[in-house]
Protein backbone atom coordinates (compact mmCIF):
# COMPACT_ATOMS: atom_id res chain seq x y z
CA MET A 1 -14.81 2.52 0.04
CA GLU A 2 -13.66 6.02 0.94
CA GLU A 3 -10.42 4.63 2.37
CA GLN A 4 -9.78 2.67 -0.83
CA LYS A 5 -10.26 5.84 -2.91
CA ILE A 6 -7.76 7.67 -0.71
CA VAL A 7 -5.26 4.82 -1.04
CA ARG A 8 -5.66 4.70 -4.84
CA LYS A 9 -5.25 8.47 -5.05
CA GLN A 10 -2.11 8.34 -2.94
CA LEU A 11 -0.80 5.46 -5.05
CA LEU A 12 -1.21 7.52 -8.22
CA LYS A 13 0.50 10.49 -6.58
CA ASN A 14 3.44 8.38 -5.47
CA MET A 15 3.68 6.85 -8.95
CA LEU A 16 3.69 10.29 -10.55
CA TYR A 17 6.36 11.66 -8.20
CA THR A 18 8.55 8.58 -8.61
CA PHE A 19 8.09 8.61 -12.40
CA ILE A 20 9.01 12.30 -12.63
CA THR A 21 12.05 11.75 -10.43
CA PHE A 22 13.31 8.83 -12.50
CA THR A 23 12.62 10.62 -15.79
CA VAL A 24 14.41 13.82 -14.72
CA ILE A 25 17.41 11.90 -13.39
CA PHE A 26 17.82 9.76 -16.52
CA THR A 27 17.20 12.72 -18.84
CA LEU A 28 19.89 14.77 -17.11
CA PHE A 29 22.14 11.71 -17.22
CA ASP A 30 21.56 11.38 -21.00
CA ILE A 31 22.27 15.07 -21.57
CA LEU A 32 25.48 14.80 -19.57
CA ILE A 33 26.61 11.73 -21.52
CA TYR A 34 25.76 13.35 -24.86
CA ASN A 35 27.66 16.54 -24.01
CA LEU A 36 30.68 14.64 -22.75
CA ILE A 37 30.83 12.38 -25.82
CA SER A 38 30.21 15.16 -28.36
CA THR A 39 32.85 17.31 -26.68
CA SER A 40 35.40 14.50 -26.52
CA VAL A 41 34.81 13.59 -30.18
CA TYR A 42 35.85 17.06 -31.34
CA THR A 43 38.60 17.61 -28.76
CA SER A 44 41.41 15.98 -30.75
CA ILE A 45 40.29 17.67 -33.99
CA ASP A 46 40.18 21.07 -32.28
CA LYS A 47 43.69 20.50 -30.96
CA GLU A 48 44.92 19.76 -34.49
CA ILE A 49 43.23 22.91 -35.81
CA MET A 50 44.74 25.08 -33.07
CA TYR A 51 48.17 23.55 -33.65
CA ALA A 52 47.88 24.27 -37.40
CA LYS A 53 46.85 27.85 -36.59
CA GLU A 54 49.96 28.34 -34.47
CA GLN A 55 52.18 26.94 -37.23
CA VAL A 56 50.57 29.12 -39.89
CA GLU A 57 51.03 32.20 -37.76
CA ALA A 58 54.65 31.24 -37.12
CA VAL A 59 55.47 30.76 -40.80
CA GLY A 60 53.43 33.80 -41.83
CA ASN A 61 52.61 32.55 -45.31
CA GLU A 62 50.24 30.20 -47.13
CA PRO A 63 50.87 26.48 -46.45
CA THR A 64 51.39 25.58 -50.12
CA SER A 65 54.32 27.89 -50.64
CA GLN A 66 57.55 26.09 -51.37
CA ASN A 67 59.88 29.04 -50.69
CA THR A 68 61.80 27.58 -47.76
CA ASP A 69 62.63 24.21 -46.24
CA THR A 70 61.21 25.46 -42.94
CA LYS A 71 57.76 25.81 -44.48
CA LYS A 72 57.96 22.34 -45.98
CA LYS A 73 58.98 20.85 -42.64
CA THR A 74 56.28 22.76 -40.74
CA TYR A 75 53.32 21.81 -42.93
CA LYS A 76 54.55 18.29 -43.45
CA SER A 77 54.10 17.69 -39.72
CA LEU A 78 50.43 18.77 -39.80
CA ASN A 79 47.41 16.47 -40.09
CA PRO A 80 46.80 15.63 -43.80
CA ARG A 81 43.03 15.90 -43.19
CA LEU A 82 43.41 19.65 -42.79
CA ILE A 83 42.55 21.80 -45.80
CA TYR A 84 44.04 25.29 -46.14
CA ILE A 85 42.16 27.93 -48.10
CA VAL A 86 44.10 31.17 -48.67
CA ARG A 87 41.97 34.25 -49.20
CA ASP A 88 42.81 37.87 -50.00
CA GLU A 89 41.45 40.95 -48.26
CA ASN A 90 38.18 40.59 -50.17
CA GLY A 91 37.77 36.95 -49.21
CA GLU A 92 38.58 35.64 -52.68
CA ILE A 93 40.45 32.32 -52.86
CA THR A 94 44.04 32.66 -54.09
CA ASN A 95 45.30 29.08 -53.92
CA LYS A 96 42.84 27.34 -56.24
CA GLU A 97 45.57 25.47 -58.07
CA ASN A 98 46.78 23.83 -54.85
CA ILE A 99 43.31 22.73 -53.74
CA GLY A 100 42.58 20.95 -57.01
CA ARG A 101 39.29 19.25 -57.78
CA PHE A 102 37.97 19.97 -54.32
CA TYR A 103 37.78 23.65 -55.25
CA GLU A 104 35.71 23.05 -58.33
CA ASP A 105 33.11 20.92 -56.56
CA TYR A 106 32.78 22.26 -53.05
CA ILE A 107 35.03 25.05 -51.95
CA THR A 108 32.91 27.92 -53.25
CA ASP A 109 30.07 26.77 -51.04
CA ILE A 110 32.09 27.00 -47.84
CA ALA A 111 31.12 30.09 -45.87
CA PHE A 112 33.80 32.62 -44.86
CA ASP A 113 33.57 35.62 -42.54
CA LYS A 114 36.80 37.56 -42.15
CA GLU A 115 35.43 39.21 -39.00
CA PHE A 116 35.20 35.81 -37.38
CA LEU A 117 38.85 35.17 -36.43
CA ASN A 118 40.79 32.81 -34.15
CA GLN A 119 37.70 30.92 -33.00
CA ILE A 120 36.78 27.39 -33.96
CA TYR A 121 33.42 27.15 -35.68
CA LEU A 122 31.22 24.56 -37.38
CA THR A 123 30.07 25.09 -40.96
CA SER A 124 28.39 22.95 -43.58
CA ILE A 125 27.70 22.61 -47.29
CA ASP A 126 23.96 22.32 -47.94
CA ASP A 127 23.54 20.82 -44.45
CA THR A 128 25.08 17.65 -45.87
CA TYR A 129 28.83 17.93 -45.38
CA TYR A 130 30.14 19.39 -42.15
CA TYR A 131 33.48 21.05 -41.39
CA ARG A 132 35.16 22.49 -38.35
CA GLY A 133 37.45 25.39 -39.04
CA ILE A 134 39.25 28.51 -37.93
CA ASN A 135 40.21 31.75 -39.71
CA VAL A 136 43.75 33.13 -39.34
CA GLN A 137 44.75 36.65 -40.34
CA ILE A 138 48.27 37.09 -41.76
CA VAL A 139 49.72 40.59 -42.22
CA ASN A 140 52.83 41.05 -44.40
CA GLN A 141 54.92 43.71 -42.70
CA ASP A 142 56.91 44.44 -45.84
CA THR A 143 54.05 44.92 -48.30
CA LYS A 144 51.48 45.91 -45.68
CA THR A 145 49.02 43.48 -47.25
CA THR A 146 46.60 41.20 -45.42
CA LYS A 147 45.50 37.70 -46.26
CA TYR A 148 43.38 35.12 -44.50
CA ILE A 149 44.02 31.43 -44.14
CA GLN A 150 40.91 29.34 -43.55
CA ILE A 151 41.85 26.01 -41.95
CA ILE A 152 39.06 23.43 -42.19
CA VAL A 153 38.63 19.70 -41.68
CA ASN A 154 35.74 17.45 -42.65
CA VAL A 155 33.90 16.02 -39.60
CA ASP A 156 31.15 13.98 -41.26
CA GLY A 157 32.38 10.81 -39.54
CA GLU A 158 32.40 12.45 -36.14
CA ASN A 159 28.98 13.99 -36.72
CA GLN A 160 27.60 10.60 -37.72
CA SER A 161 29.03 9.05 -34.55
CA VAL A 162 27.49 11.76 -32.39
CA SER A 163 24.15 11.35 -34.21
CA ASN A 164 24.23 7.59 -33.64
CA ILE A 165 24.96 8.14 -29.96
CA LEU A 166 22.10 10.63 -29.73
CA ARG A 167 19.77 8.14 -31.42
CA VAL A 168 20.80 5.42 -28.98
CA LEU A 169 20.30 7.77 -26.02
CA VAL A 170 16.84 8.77 -27.27
CA ILE A 171 15.79 5.13 -27.68
CA ALA A 172 17.27 4.28 -24.29
CA THR A 173 15.41 7.20 -22.72
CA ILE A 174 12.10 6.04 -24.20
CA ILE A 175 12.71 2.54 -22.87
CA ILE A 176 13.71 3.95 -19.50
CA ILE A 177 10.51 6.00 -19.37
CA PHE A 178 8.42 2.84 -19.79
CA VAL A 179 10.59 1.04 -17.26
CA SER A 180 10.21 4.03 -14.92
CA ILE A 181 6.43 3.66 -15.08
CA ILE A 182 6.70 0.01 -14.05
CA ILE A 183 9.27 0.74 -11.35
CA SER A 184 7.18 3.67 -10.09
CA PHE A 185 4.15 1.40 -9.75
CA ILE A 186 6.14 -1.31 -7.96
CA LEU A 187 7.87 1.10 -5.57
CA SER A 188 4.65 2.98 -4.85
CA SER A 189 2.79 -0.26 -4.22
CA ARG A 190 5.51 -1.48 -1.88
CA THR A 191 5.60 1.87 -0.10
CA LEU A 192 1.86 1.84 0.47
CA LYS A 193 1.67 -1.88 1.22
CA PRO A 194 2.25 -1.48 5.01
CA ILE A 195 -0.34 1.33 5.07
CA ILE A 196 -2.87 -0.76 3.13
CA GLU A 197 -2.23 -3.76 5.38
CA ALA A 198 -2.58 -1.59 8.48
CA LEU A 199 -5.81 -0.13 7.12
CA ASN A 200 -7.16 -3.60 6.36
CA ARG A 201 -6.15 -4.83 9.80
CA GLN A 202 -7.81 -1.83 11.40
CA THR A 203 -11.02 -2.39 9.45
CA GLU A 204 -11.00 -6.11 10.27
CA PHE A 205 -10.15 -5.34 13.90
CA VAL A 206 -13.11 -2.96 14.25
CA GLN A 207 -15.47 -5.42 12.58
CA ASN A 208 -14.32 -8.35 14.72
CA ALA A 209 -14.32 -6.28 17.89
CA SER A 210 -17.86 -5.09 17.17
CA HIS A 211 -18.95 -8.69 16.62
CA GLU A 212 -17.29 -9.93 19.81
CA LEU A 213 -18.70 -7.08 21.88
CA ARG A 214 -22.19 -7.53 20.46
CA THR A 215 -22.58 -11.10 21.77
CA PRO A 216 -22.12 -10.48 25.51
CA LEU A 217 -24.01 -7.18 25.29
CA THR A 218 -26.95 -8.94 23.64
CA ILE A 219 -26.98 -11.65 26.32
CA ILE A 220 -26.80 -9.11 29.15
CA GLN A 221 -29.57 -7.02 27.60
CA ALA A 222 -31.81 -10.07 27.13
CA LYS A 223 -31.33 -11.25 30.72
CA GLN A 224 -31.94 -7.77 32.12
CA GLU A 225 -35.18 -7.50 30.13
CA LEU A 226 -36.30 -10.85 31.54
CA LEU A 227 -35.63 -9.57 35.07
CA LEU A 228 -37.67 -6.45 34.39
CA GLN A 229 -40.62 -8.56 33.22
CA GLU A 230 -40.86 -10.16 36.68
CA PRO A 231 -39.91 -7.43 39.15
CA ASN A 232 -41.58 -9.20 42.11
CA LYS A 233 -39.45 -12.33 41.86
CA LYS A 234 -36.85 -13.01 44.52
CA ILE A 235 -33.13 -12.88 43.73
CA ILE A 236 -32.79 -16.59 44.43
CA ASP A 237 -35.40 -17.32 41.77
CA LYS A 238 -33.44 -15.34 39.19
CA SER A 239 -29.97 -16.36 40.32
CA LYS A 240 -29.31 -18.23 37.09
CA ASP A 241 -30.03 -15.15 34.95
CA ILE A 242 -27.96 -12.96 37.27
CA THR A 243 -25.07 -15.44 37.10
CA VAL A 244 -25.17 -15.34 33.29
CA CYS A 245 -25.11 -11.52 33.38
CA ILE A 246 -22.11 -11.52 35.73
CA LYS A 247 -20.31 -14.09 33.57
CA GLU A 248 -20.89 -12.11 30.38
CA THR A 249 -19.92 -8.86 32.12
CA ARG A 250 -16.61 -10.39 33.16
CA ARG A 251 -16.10 -11.69 29.66
CA LEU A 252 -16.90 -8.24 28.29
CA SER A 253 -14.48 -6.61 30.72
CA LYS A 254 -11.74 -9.07 29.75
CA LEU A 255 -12.37 -8.47 26.05
CA VAL A 256 -12.21 -4.67 26.46
CA LYS A 257 -8.95 -5.00 28.38
CA GLU A 258 -7.46 -7.17 25.66
CA LEU A 259 -8.62 -4.80 22.93
CA MET A 260 -7.01 -1.88 24.77
CA THR A 261 -3.75 -3.82 25.06
CA LEU A 262 -3.68 -4.48 21.32
CA ALA A 263 -4.67 -0.88 20.52
CA ARG A 264 -1.80 0.45 22.66
CA ALA A 265 0.58 -1.97 20.98
CA ASP A 266 -0.54 -0.79 17.53
CA SER A 267 0.14 2.82 18.49
CA ASN A 268 3.53 1.92 20.09
CA LYS A 269 2.21 2.98 23.47
CA LEU A 270 2.56 -0.37 25.23
CA ASP A 271 4.35 0.71 28.40
CA LEU A 272 6.89 -1.69 29.87
CA ASN A 273 7.88 -1.39 33.52
CA LYS A 274 11.08 -3.40 33.42
CA GLU A 275 12.59 -4.93 36.53
CA ILE A 276 15.05 -7.70 37.32
CA PHE A 277 13.57 -11.01 38.47
CA ASN A 278 14.30 -14.72 38.33
CA LEU A 279 12.37 -16.33 35.49
CA ASP A 280 12.31 -19.86 36.94
CA SER A 281 10.89 -18.55 40.22
CA LEU A 282 8.18 -16.64 38.35
CA ILE A 283 7.23 -19.73 36.33
CA LYS A 284 6.95 -21.81 39.53
CA GLU A 285 4.67 -19.18 41.04
CA VAL A 286 2.47 -18.82 37.93
CA SER A 287 2.21 -22.58 37.29
CA GLU A 288 1.08 -23.57 40.84
CA PRO A 289 -2.67 -23.04 40.26
CA TYR A 290 -2.42 -24.72 36.86
CA ILE A 291 -0.74 -27.77 38.43
CA GLU A 292 -3.63 -28.04 40.90
CA MET A 293 -6.21 -27.50 38.13
CA ALA A 294 -4.52 -30.15 35.97
CA ASN A 295 -4.56 -32.68 38.83
CA MET A 296 -8.28 -32.10 39.29
CA GLN A 297 -8.80 -32.78 35.54
CA HIS A 298 -6.54 -35.89 35.61
CA LYS A 299 -3.79 -34.13 33.64
CA GLU A 300 -0.10 -33.73 34.45
CA VAL A 301 1.94 -30.54 34.51
CA SER A 302 5.71 -30.99 34.86
CA LEU A 303 8.49 -28.42 35.27
CA ASP A 304 11.97 -28.66 33.77
CA LEU A 305 13.50 -25.32 34.74
CA ASN A 306 17.17 -24.93 33.85
CA CYS A 307 17.42 -21.20 33.19
CA ASN A 308 18.46 -20.01 36.67
CA LYS A 309 19.00 -16.53 35.21
CA ASP A 310 17.73 -13.14 36.15
CA LEU A 311 15.70 -11.45 33.44
CA LYS A 312 15.16 -7.71 33.00
CA ALA A 313 11.62 -7.38 31.70
CA ASP A 314 8.10 -6.31 32.58
CA LYS A 315 7.19 -8.92 35.18
CA ASN A 316 3.44 -8.36 34.87
CA LYS A 317 3.55 -8.70 31.07
CA ILE A 318 5.65 -11.89 31.26
CA THR A 319 3.17 -13.23 33.81
CA GLU A 320 0.30 -12.42 31.44
CA LEU A 321 2.21 -14.15 28.63
CA LEU A 322 2.64 -17.33 30.68
CA ILE A 323 -1.02 -17.30 31.73
CA ILE A 324 -2.17 -17.05 28.11
CA ILE A 325 -0.04 -20.02 27.02
CA LEU A 326 -0.92 -22.16 30.07
CA ASP A 327 -4.62 -21.34 29.70
CA ASN A 328 -4.55 -22.66 26.15
CA ALA A 329 -2.60 -25.74 27.21
CA ILE A 330 -5.17 -26.57 29.88
CA LYS A 331 -8.15 -25.84 27.58
CA TYR A 332 -6.97 -27.97 24.69
CA THR A 333 -5.74 -31.06 26.53
CA GLY A 334 -7.80 -33.99 27.76
CA GLU A 335 -7.53 -36.52 30.55
CA GLU A 336 -4.14 -38.26 30.86
CA ASP A 337 -2.52 -35.60 28.66
CA LYS A 338 0.74 -34.01 29.77
CA ILE A 339 1.97 -30.41 29.84
CA ASN A 340 5.67 -29.67 30.21
CA ILE A 341 7.22 -26.28 31.00
CA LYS A 342 10.93 -26.08 30.17
CA THR A 343 13.47 -23.26 30.39
CA PHE A 344 17.11 -23.12 29.29
CA ASN A 345 19.81 -20.74 28.05
CA LYS A 346 21.30 -20.81 24.55
CA ASP A 347 23.46 -18.33 22.63
CA GLY A 348 22.87 -15.61 25.20
CA LYS A 349 19.08 -16.00 24.97
CA ILE A 350 16.51 -17.34 27.42
CA TYR A 351 14.15 -19.99 26.04
CA ILE A 352 10.75 -21.00 27.39
CA GLU A 353 9.17 -24.13 25.91
CA ILE A 354 5.62 -25.10 26.86
CA SER A 355 4.58 -28.36 25.20
CA ASP A 356 1.47 -30.49 25.55
CA THR A 357 0.05 -33.73 24.22
CA GLY A 358 -3.37 -32.27 23.51
CA ILE A 359 -5.44 -32.05 20.35
CA GLY A 360 -2.84 -29.96 18.52
CA ILE A 361 -3.28 -27.48 15.70
CA SER A 362 -3.72 -28.11 11.98
CA LYS A 363 -1.16 -26.96 9.42
CA GLU A 364 -3.60 -24.41 8.01
CA ALA A 365 -4.30 -22.98 11.46
CA MET A 366 -0.56 -22.62 12.12
CA LYS A 367 -0.44 -19.96 9.38
CA HIS A 368 -3.09 -17.80 11.11
CA ILE A 369 -2.68 -18.69 14.78
CA PHE A 370 -1.32 -15.26 15.79
CA GLU A 371 -3.98 -13.33 13.87
CA ARG A 372 -6.47 -11.42 15.96
CA PHE A 373 -9.85 -13.07 16.53
CA TYR A 374 -8.70 -16.19 14.70
CA ARG A 375 -10.23 -19.39 16.04
CA GLU A 376 -9.69 -22.78 14.45
CA ASP A 377 -12.91 -24.08 16.01
CA LYS A 378 -15.23 -21.19 16.84
CA THR A 379 -17.76 -23.42 18.63
CA ARG A 380 -15.16 -24.94 20.91
CA SER A 381 -13.65 -21.54 21.63
CA ARG A 382 -17.02 -20.14 22.61
CA GLU A 383 -17.48 -23.01 25.06
CA THR A 384 -14.09 -22.40 26.63
CA GLY A 385 -14.51 -18.63 26.72
CA GLY A 386 -11.94 -17.81 24.06
CA ASN A 387 -12.17 -14.90 21.68
CA GLY A 388 -9.09 -15.40 19.52
CA LEU A 389 -7.02 -12.59 21.05
CA GLY A 390 -4.83 -14.50 23.49
CA LEU A 391 -2.00 -15.50 21.17
CA ALA A 392 -2.12 -12.13 19.41
CA ILE A 393 -1.52 -10.47 22.79
CA ALA A 394 1.20 -13.03 23.60
CA GLN A 395 2.99 -12.15 20.39
CA THR A 396 2.65 -8.43 21.16
CA ILE A 397 4.22 -8.91 24.59
CA VAL A 398 7.12 -10.94 23.21
CA LYS A 399 7.80 -8.45 20.40
CA ALA A 400 7.74 -5.59 22.92
CA HIS A 401 10.63 -7.39 24.67
CA ASN A 402 12.50 -7.82 21.34
CA GLY A 403 11.92 -11.56 21.45
CA SER A 404 10.18 -14.14 19.30
CA ILE A 405 7.41 -16.70 19.70
CA LYS A 406 6.43 -19.59 17.47
CA LEU A 407 4.18 -22.64 17.57
CA LEU A 408 5.24 -26.08 16.40
CA HIS A 409 3.69 -29.51 16.27
CA ASN A 410 4.74 -31.54 19.32
CA GLU A 411 5.56 -35.05 18.16
CA PRO A 412 3.81 -37.43 18.28
CA LYS A 413 0.84 -35.15 19.10
CA GLY A 414 0.02 -31.85 20.66
CA THR A 415 1.52 -28.38 20.42
CA LYS A 416 4.83 -26.81 21.44
CA VAL A 417 5.23 -23.08 22.10
CA ILE A 418 8.79 -21.73 21.94
CA ILE A 419 9.46 -18.29 23.38
CA LYS A 420 12.88 -16.67 23.00
CA LEU A 421 13.78 -13.62 25.11
């Protein structure tokens, strides 16, 4: 329970960190987009305003004056959206007649600051109509008088576009925040999945190991207590109990050794002492006692060795791997059954196939066959001395050599083990 609380707490932390990261990234992205779009929207307008400013300064008079053809040509080339308001030194408008109806309705509400010169600014009328403008100071050298030309352009359309973009970005950000929560949960769950699985495997491993260790210890304890109850008995009279104790002790020793192998593999401390050896020769050597055992049980073990290649691997581990597979083949075959050991080379890999015509494995068991302590038939495994760790260790050895192992149904019956190194 404590481990589950820790995992849940870590999951929430990971979700929070991932959510914050996504939210910050997308928020900064939205701000960048908004600034780029709002800037680009006004760029062309600002260029027109600055161009009009330069022309006004060049002509040196109000745009509506018709005194020269040069003035007509200059202002005719400017953007017709631009509105020119001529003001005197006191800021009073002097070109009302040229502005027309616009003056009567709006122009008096447009702010003007003669100290604010040669800089583009944004102004509005009642926060409803928006204008971008610039103030230009014109000094008449002959009369020594000063006037101001206020160049403005309505930007309601541009403002509306920017507002629409901002609205879309806000909605998109809200949606992204909800999506970020989902993504954060998925990513955090996937990140913690190997840890959770490892924790579950560890818990299951400890529980199974405790169960497996308890059985032989209980038997040994019971037999020792029986011996203590009759201390005057001769050894020959208690040979059966002593034999059971020795058998269970060996089984316990084997189980502890297997558990240590798996524990070292889990911590990536499975040491490999690699050397070069001939695989076919090793298989002949390992299979000799199994051939004799099979003959005694009226079974047949045949060799079809076509590898004839030297392999660089841990010879002791490969030997242990072969023993595990052959042990299972002998255990789960009956009289007149056959066991075949085959080796060959393919695509630069060495293949070992060990097939038998025994009782086989069910489809459901195939899914769990490499799981630790898994036994398809627990009763039968007890009788044959199995504890469900053999194939798990075999898989560990193969993986340590960067190979693969799989079990298949051997048609018409039996099991086939394929090892690729």
